[in-house]
Structures are given as C-alpha cells and as structure tokens.
Amino acid sequence: MSSDHKAITDRTFEFAVRIVKLCQVLNESSGVAKTLSKQLIKSGTSIGANAKTVNS
C-alpha cells in the first residue's frame, strides 16, 4: 500500500490520537469546552473501534 493510501485502521488511529490531544486542551478549560471534550473523546475515538470491527 502506498503512503498516499493508508489503511483505514491507520487513519482512524491517527484521528483518535488527534482527538485525544484536542480533548486534553479542551479539558483544561471550564464550562462548555470541558463538557464538549467529554463527548468528543467518546465519539472521536469510537470510530477506530468500529473500523477495526468491520475490517476483522
């Protein structure tokens, strides 16, 4: 597979890592940003688990 066409599992893992980093920053805030980070971490990382299940 060429570097331009990464496997879906690789792309979803990289996406999840970016989501976790974003949520770490948002979690340092208060109010709405902190509340949103809790939901974003759940939804943003679940795609990797779903993609892994489909490709297994």
C-alpha atoms as a PDB file:
ATOM      1  CA  MET A   1       0.000   0.000   0.000  1.00  0.00           C
ATOM      2  CA  SER A   2       1.427   3.396  -0.941  1.00  0.00           C
ATOM      3  CA  SER A   3       1.909   6.178   1.576  1.00  0.00           C
ATOM      4  CA  ASP A   4      -0.984   8.074  -0.053  1.00  0.00           C
ATOM      5  CA  HIS A   5      -3.397   5.250   0.682  1.00  0.00           C
ATOM      6  CA  LYS A   6      -3.077   4.306   4.327  1.00  0.00           C
ATOM      7  CA  ALA A   7      -5.259   1.570   5.719  1.00  0.00           C
ATOM      8  CA  ILE A   8      -8.473   2.722   7.351  1.00  0.00           C
ATOM      9  CA  THR A   9      -7.274   1.372  10.701  1.00  0.00           C
ATOM     10  CA  ASP A  10      -4.128   3.502  10.499  1.00  0.00           C
ATOM     11  CA  ARG A  11      -6.097   6.619   9.584  1.00  0.00           C
ATOM     12  CA  THR A  12      -8.674   6.125  12.313  1.00  0.00           C
ATOM     13  CA  PHE A  13      -5.924   5.559  14.887  1.00  0.00           C
ATOM     14  CA  GLU A  14      -4.197   8.799  13.856  1.00  0.00           C
ATOM     15  CA  PHE A  15      -7.544  10.600  14.033  1.00  0.00           C
ATOM     16  CA  ALA A  16      -8.168   9.245  17.531  1.00  0.00           C
ATOM     17  CA  VAL A  17      -4.737  10.432  18.679  1.00  0.00           C
ATOM     18  CA  ARG A  18      -5.518  13.938  17.385  1.00  0.00           C
ATOM     19  CA  ILE A  19      -8.892  13.875  19.157  1.00  0.00           C
ATOM     20  CA  VAL A  20      -7.254  12.884  22.456  1.00  0.00           C
ATOM     21  CA  LYS A  21      -4.749  15.733  22.155  1.00  0.00           C
ATOM     22  CA  LEU A  22      -7.534  18.214  21.413  1.00  0.00           C
ATOM     23  CA  CYS A  23      -9.577  16.965  24.354  1.00  0.00           C
ATOM     24  CA  GLN A  24      -6.602  17.367  26.678  1.00  0.00           C
ATOM     25  CA  VAL A  25      -6.512  21.059  25.764  1.00  0.00           C
ATOM     26  CA  LEU A  26     -10.286  21.478  25.988  1.00  0.00           C
ATOM     27  CA  ASN A  27     -10.401  19.719  29.338  1.00  0.00           C
ATOM     28  CA  GLU A  28      -8.161  22.416  30.836  1.00  0.00           C
ATOM     29  CA  SER A  29     -10.921  24.928  30.130  1.00  0.00           C
ATOM     30  CA  SER A  30     -14.099  25.306  32.092  1.00  0.00           C
ATOM     31  CA  GLY A  31     -17.754  25.316  31.166  1.00  0.00           C
ATOM     32  CA  VAL A  32     -18.883  24.287  27.720  1.00  0.00           C
ATOM     33  CA  ALA A  33     -15.423  23.371  26.413  1.00  0.00           C
ATOM     34  CA  LYS A  34     -14.915  20.862  29.216  1.00  0.00           C
ATOM     35  CA  THR A  35     -18.367  19.379  28.663  1.00  0.00           C
ATOM     36  CA  LEU A  36     -17.789  19.098  24.921  1.00  0.00           C
ATOM     37  CA  SER A  37     -14.425  17.410  25.436  1.00  0.00           C
ATOM     38  CA  LYS A  38     -16.106  14.565  27.328  1.00  0.00           C
ATOM     39  CA  GLN A  39     -18.481  13.856  24.446  1.00  0.00           C
ATOM     40  CA  LEU A  40     -15.816  14.385  21.783  1.00  0.00           C
ATOM     41  CA  ILE A  41     -13.436  11.876  23.362  1.00  0.00           C
ATOM     42  CA  LYS A  42     -16.167   9.220  23.284  1.00  0.00           C
ATOM     43  CA  SER A  43     -17.333   9.826  19.737  1.00  0.00           C
ATOM     44  CA  GLY A  44     -13.950  10.707  18.240  1.00  0.00           C
ATOM     45  CA  THR A  45     -12.240   7.548  19.420  1.00  0.00           C
ATOM     46  CA  SER A  46     -15.097   5.124  18.771  1.00  0.00           C
ATOM     47  CA  ILE A  47     -14.589   5.267  15.009  1.00  0.00           C
ATOM     48  CA  GLY A  48     -11.356   3.324  15.352  1.00  0.00           C
ATOM     49  CA  ALA A  49     -13.071   0.568  17.279  1.00  0.00           C
ATOM     50  CA  ASN A  50     -15.876   0.441  14.734  1.00  0.00           C
ATOM     51  CA  ALA A  51     -13.483   0.324  11.790  1.00  0.00           C
ATOM     52  CA  LYS A  52     -11.452  -2.430  13.446  1.00  0.00           C
ATOM     53  CA  THR A  53     -14.617  -4.494  13.958  1.00  0.00           C
ATOM     54  CA  VAL A  54     -15.698  -4.121  10.331  1.00  0.00           C
ATOM     55  CA  ASN A  55     -12.247  -4.977   8.937  1.00  0.00           C
ATOM     56  CA  SER A  56     -11.680  -8.013  11.171  1.00  0.00           C
END
